């Protein structure tokens, strides 16, 4: 396989949570082509499961979808030097007022390898306990929380009622992990 060579690269847009990079590439045959990439920080998703085999879902407004979405707690790795598992615990606290004794990496997936650099680490969190309420802003101010049995969450994935990628992946892997 020929790995294209980057001849030129420029940042054509810089926003708060992503930038767009335009690269001119060649396969060494004298022809060039352009690829644009959304450069974004990585993210985490957390399947928080209690000792009754229930998982914690949150519902919040997601502007790109124009509607609220049920999903596992998640967030961007936007604190310098913070490890993915530390981000997972921070986001769990910030979004759900919950902490965990342990987090186990279930997987790392590429969000959409054809257009973005973003990767998502998905963790299973156990040994849960409550922490003081976190003050939330913007769309996070209206987060709803709901505990549902893992089996019910799995059925919601299979039926298409849960459609967020990290949530689907996290629930399927948790179901498999707990069955094995």
Protein backbone atom coordinates (compact mmCIF):
# COMPACT_ATOMS: atom_id res chain seq x y z
CA UNK A 1 0.00 0.00 0.00
CA UNK A 2 1.25 3.45 -0.90
CA UNK A 3 1.02 5.96 1.95
CA UNK A 4 0.44 9.40 0.41
CA UNK A 5 2.97 12.13 1.10
CA UNK A 6 1.76 15.46 2.48
CA UNK A 7 3.09 18.21 0.21
CA UNK A 8 1.36 21.13 1.90
CA UNK A 9 -0.79 21.60 4.98
CA UNK A 10 -2.75 24.62 6.14
CA UNK A 11 -5.19 25.34 8.92
CA UNK A 12 -8.20 26.87 7.17
CA UNK A 13 -10.43 27.23 10.22
CA UNK A 14 -9.81 27.39 13.97
CA UNK A 15 -12.76 27.18 16.31
CA UNK A 16 -13.27 26.58 19.99
CA UNK A 17 -13.51 22.77 19.82
CA UNK A 18 -11.99 21.90 16.45
CA UNK A 19 -9.95 23.14 13.55
CA UNK A 20 -10.05 22.24 9.89
CA UNK A 21 -6.81 21.32 8.17
CA UNK A 22 -6.49 21.17 4.37
CA UNK A 23 -3.71 18.94 3.08
CA UNK A 24 -2.38 18.55 -0.44
CA UNK A 25 -1.14 14.98 -0.94
CA UNK A 26 0.50 12.89 -3.62
CA UNK A 27 0.95 9.17 -4.16
CA UNK A 28 4.25 9.86 -5.91
CA UNK A 29 2.80 9.73 -9.41
CA UNK A 30 2.87 13.49 -10.02
CA UNK A 31 -0.86 13.88 -9.31
CA UNK A 32 -2.12 15.68 -6.22
CA UNK A 33 -5.35 15.58 -4.27
CA UNK A 34 -6.85 17.50 -1.36
CA UNK A 35 -8.11 16.12 1.95
CA UNK A 36 -9.72 18.17 4.69
CA UNK A 37 -9.57 16.93 8.25
CA UNK A 38 -11.44 18.02 11.37
CA UNK A 39 -8.74 18.12 14.05
CA UNK A 40 -10.32 17.59 17.45
CA UNK A 41 -9.18 16.49 20.88
CA UNK A 42 -9.95 12.94 21.91
CA UNK A 43 -12.88 12.01 24.13
CA UNK A 44 -14.00 9.50 26.72
CA UNK A 45 -17.26 7.68 27.36
CA UNK A 46 -18.12 5.97 30.64
CA UNK A 47 -20.46 3.05 31.20
CA UNK A 48 -21.17 3.54 34.91
CA UNK A 49 -22.62 0.29 36.29
CA UNK A 50 -23.85 -0.17 39.85
CA UNK A 51 -23.93 -3.38 41.89
CA UNK A 52 -27.47 -4.10 40.64
CA UNK A 53 -26.22 -4.28 37.01
CA UNK A 54 -27.87 -0.99 36.15
CA UNK A 55 -26.12 1.59 34.01
CA UNK A 56 -26.40 5.34 34.23
CA UNK A 57 -27.62 7.15 31.13
CA UNK A 58 -27.84 10.88 30.73
CA UNK A 59 -30.02 12.89 28.38
CA UNK A 60 -28.84 16.25 27.12
CA UNK A 61 -29.43 18.53 24.18
CA UNK A 62 -26.99 17.88 21.34
CA UNK A 63 -26.98 20.82 18.97
CA UNK A 64 -25.70 19.02 15.84
CA UNK A 65 -28.68 16.63 16.13
CA UNK A 66 -31.10 19.40 17.09
CA UNK A 67 -32.56 17.25 19.87
CA UNK A 68 -31.83 15.72 23.26
CA UNK A 69 -29.92 12.42 23.14
CA UNK A 70 -29.73 9.59 25.70
CA UNK A 71 -26.11 8.56 26.10
CA UNK A 72 -23.48 7.38 28.52
CA UNK A 73 -21.61 10.15 30.38
CA UNK A 74 -18.79 11.47 28.22
CA UNK A 75 -16.52 14.38 27.54
CA UNK A 76 -13.54 15.83 25.75
CA UNK A 77 -9.96 15.33 26.86
CA UNK A 78 -9.40 19.06 27.18
CA UNK A 79 -7.24 19.29 30.33
CA UNK A 80 -3.51 19.36 29.57
CA UNK A 81 -1.66 16.33 30.91
CA UNK A 82 -4.80 14.50 32.04
CA UNK A 83 -4.82 10.78 31.30
CA UNK A 84 -7.91 9.26 29.63
CA UNK A 85 -8.97 7.40 32.80
CA UNK A 86 -8.65 10.65 34.78
CA UNK A 87 -10.84 12.41 32.22
CA UNK A 88 -13.37 9.60 32.54
CA UNK A 89 -13.59 10.02 36.31
CA UNK A 90 -13.76 13.83 36.01
CA UNK A 91 -16.53 13.72 33.42
CA UNK A 92 -18.48 11.18 35.49
CA UNK A 93 -18.32 13.54 38.48
CA UNK A 94 -19.15 16.66 36.45
CA UNK A 95 -22.07 15.19 34.52
CA UNK A 96 -23.62 12.81 37.05
CA UNK A 97 -22.36 13.70 40.55
CA UNK A 98 -20.93 10.18 40.74
CA UNK A 99 -17.47 8.76 41.27
CA UNK A 100 -16.08 5.25 40.82
CA UNK A 101 -13.57 3.09 42.67
CA UNK A 102 -12.35 1.64 39.37
CA UNK A 103 -12.43 2.25 35.64
CA UNK A 104 -11.51 -0.39 33.08
CA UNK A 105 -10.80 0.41 29.44
CA UNK A 106 -13.27 -1.43 27.20
CA UNK A 107 -12.02 -0.05 23.89
CA UNK A 108 -10.55 2.85 21.97
CA UNK A 109 -12.33 3.61 18.69
CA UNK A 110 -11.83 6.01 15.80
CA UNK A 111 -14.89 8.27 15.62
CA UNK A 112 -14.80 8.64 11.85
CA UNK A 113 -11.41 7.83 10.32
CA UNK A 114 -12.32 9.45 7.00
CA UNK A 115 -12.68 13.01 8.28
CA UNK A 116 -11.64 13.55 11.91
CA UNK A 117 -8.67 12.85 14.16
CA UNK A 118 -10.92 12.33 17.20
CA UNK A 119 -10.70 9.01 19.05
CA UNK A 120 -12.89 7.92 21.96
CA UNK A 121 -11.82 5.83 24.94
CA UNK A 122 -14.74 3.88 26.45
CA UNK A 123 -14.49 2.82 30.09
CA UNK A 124 -16.52 0.60 32.40
CA UNK A 125 -16.79 2.24 35.83
CA UNK A 126 -17.69 0.28 38.98
CA UNK A 127 -17.75 0.85 42.71
CA UNK A 128 -19.96 3.89 42.28
CA UNK A 129 -20.84 6.46 44.91
CA UNK A 130 -22.35 9.92 44.95
CA UNK A 131 -20.39 13.15 45.29
CA UNK A 132 -21.54 16.74 45.90
CA UNK A 133 -23.55 18.21 43.05
CA UNK A 134 -21.51 19.84 40.31
CA UNK A 135 -22.65 23.23 38.98
CA UNK A 136 -23.44 22.70 35.30
CA UNK A 137 -23.77 25.29 32.51
CA UNK A 138 -25.12 25.56 28.98
CA UNK A 139 -26.71 22.34 27.65
CA UNK A 140 -25.24 20.41 30.59
CA UNK A 141 -27.40 22.49 32.98
CA UNK A 142 -30.45 20.43 31.93
CA UNK A 143 -28.90 16.95 32.06
CA UNK A 144 -31.39 14.25 33.02
CA UNK A 145 -30.09 11.08 34.68
CA UNK A 146 -31.66 7.64 34.51
CA UNK A 147 -30.56 4.24 35.86
CA UNK A 148 -31.60 1.32 33.68
CA UNK A 149 -30.79 -2.39 33.79
CA UNK A 150 -27.96 -3.38 31.46
CA UNK A 151 -30.27 -5.86 29.68
CA UNK A 152 -32.81 -3.10 29.00
CA UNK A 153 -30.05 -0.81 27.69
CA UNK A 154 -28.86 -3.63 25.43
CA UNK A 155 -32.41 -4.08 24.08
CA UNK A 156 -32.63 -0.32 23.47
CA UNK A 157 -29.43 -0.52 21.39
CA UNK A 158 -30.71 -3.48 19.37
CA UNK A 159 -34.05 -1.75 18.71
CA UNK A 160 -32.38 1.54 17.71
CA UNK A 161 -33.79 3.54 20.64
CA UNK A 162 -30.23 4.37 21.67
CA UNK A 163 -28.32 5.71 18.67
CA UNK A 164 -25.25 7.53 19.99
CA UNK A 165 -22.10 5.70 18.79
CA UNK A 166 -20.10 5.71 22.04
CA UNK A 167 -23.21 4.58 23.92
CA UNK A 168 -23.93 1.75 21.50
CA UNK A 169 -20.31 0.60 21.60
CA UNK A 170 -20.09 0.91 25.39
CA UNK A 171 -23.29 -1.00 26.07
CA UNK A 172 -22.49 -3.79 23.61
CA UNK A 173 -19.00 -4.24 25.05
CA UNK A 174 -20.27 -4.09 28.64
CA UNK A 175 -22.90 -6.72 27.86
CA UNK A 176 -20.20 -8.95 26.34
CA UNK A 177 -17.78 -8.23 29.21
CA UNK A 178 -20.34 -9.11 31.88
CA UNK A 179 -21.48 -12.27 30.06
CA UNK A 180 -17.91 -13.59 29.81
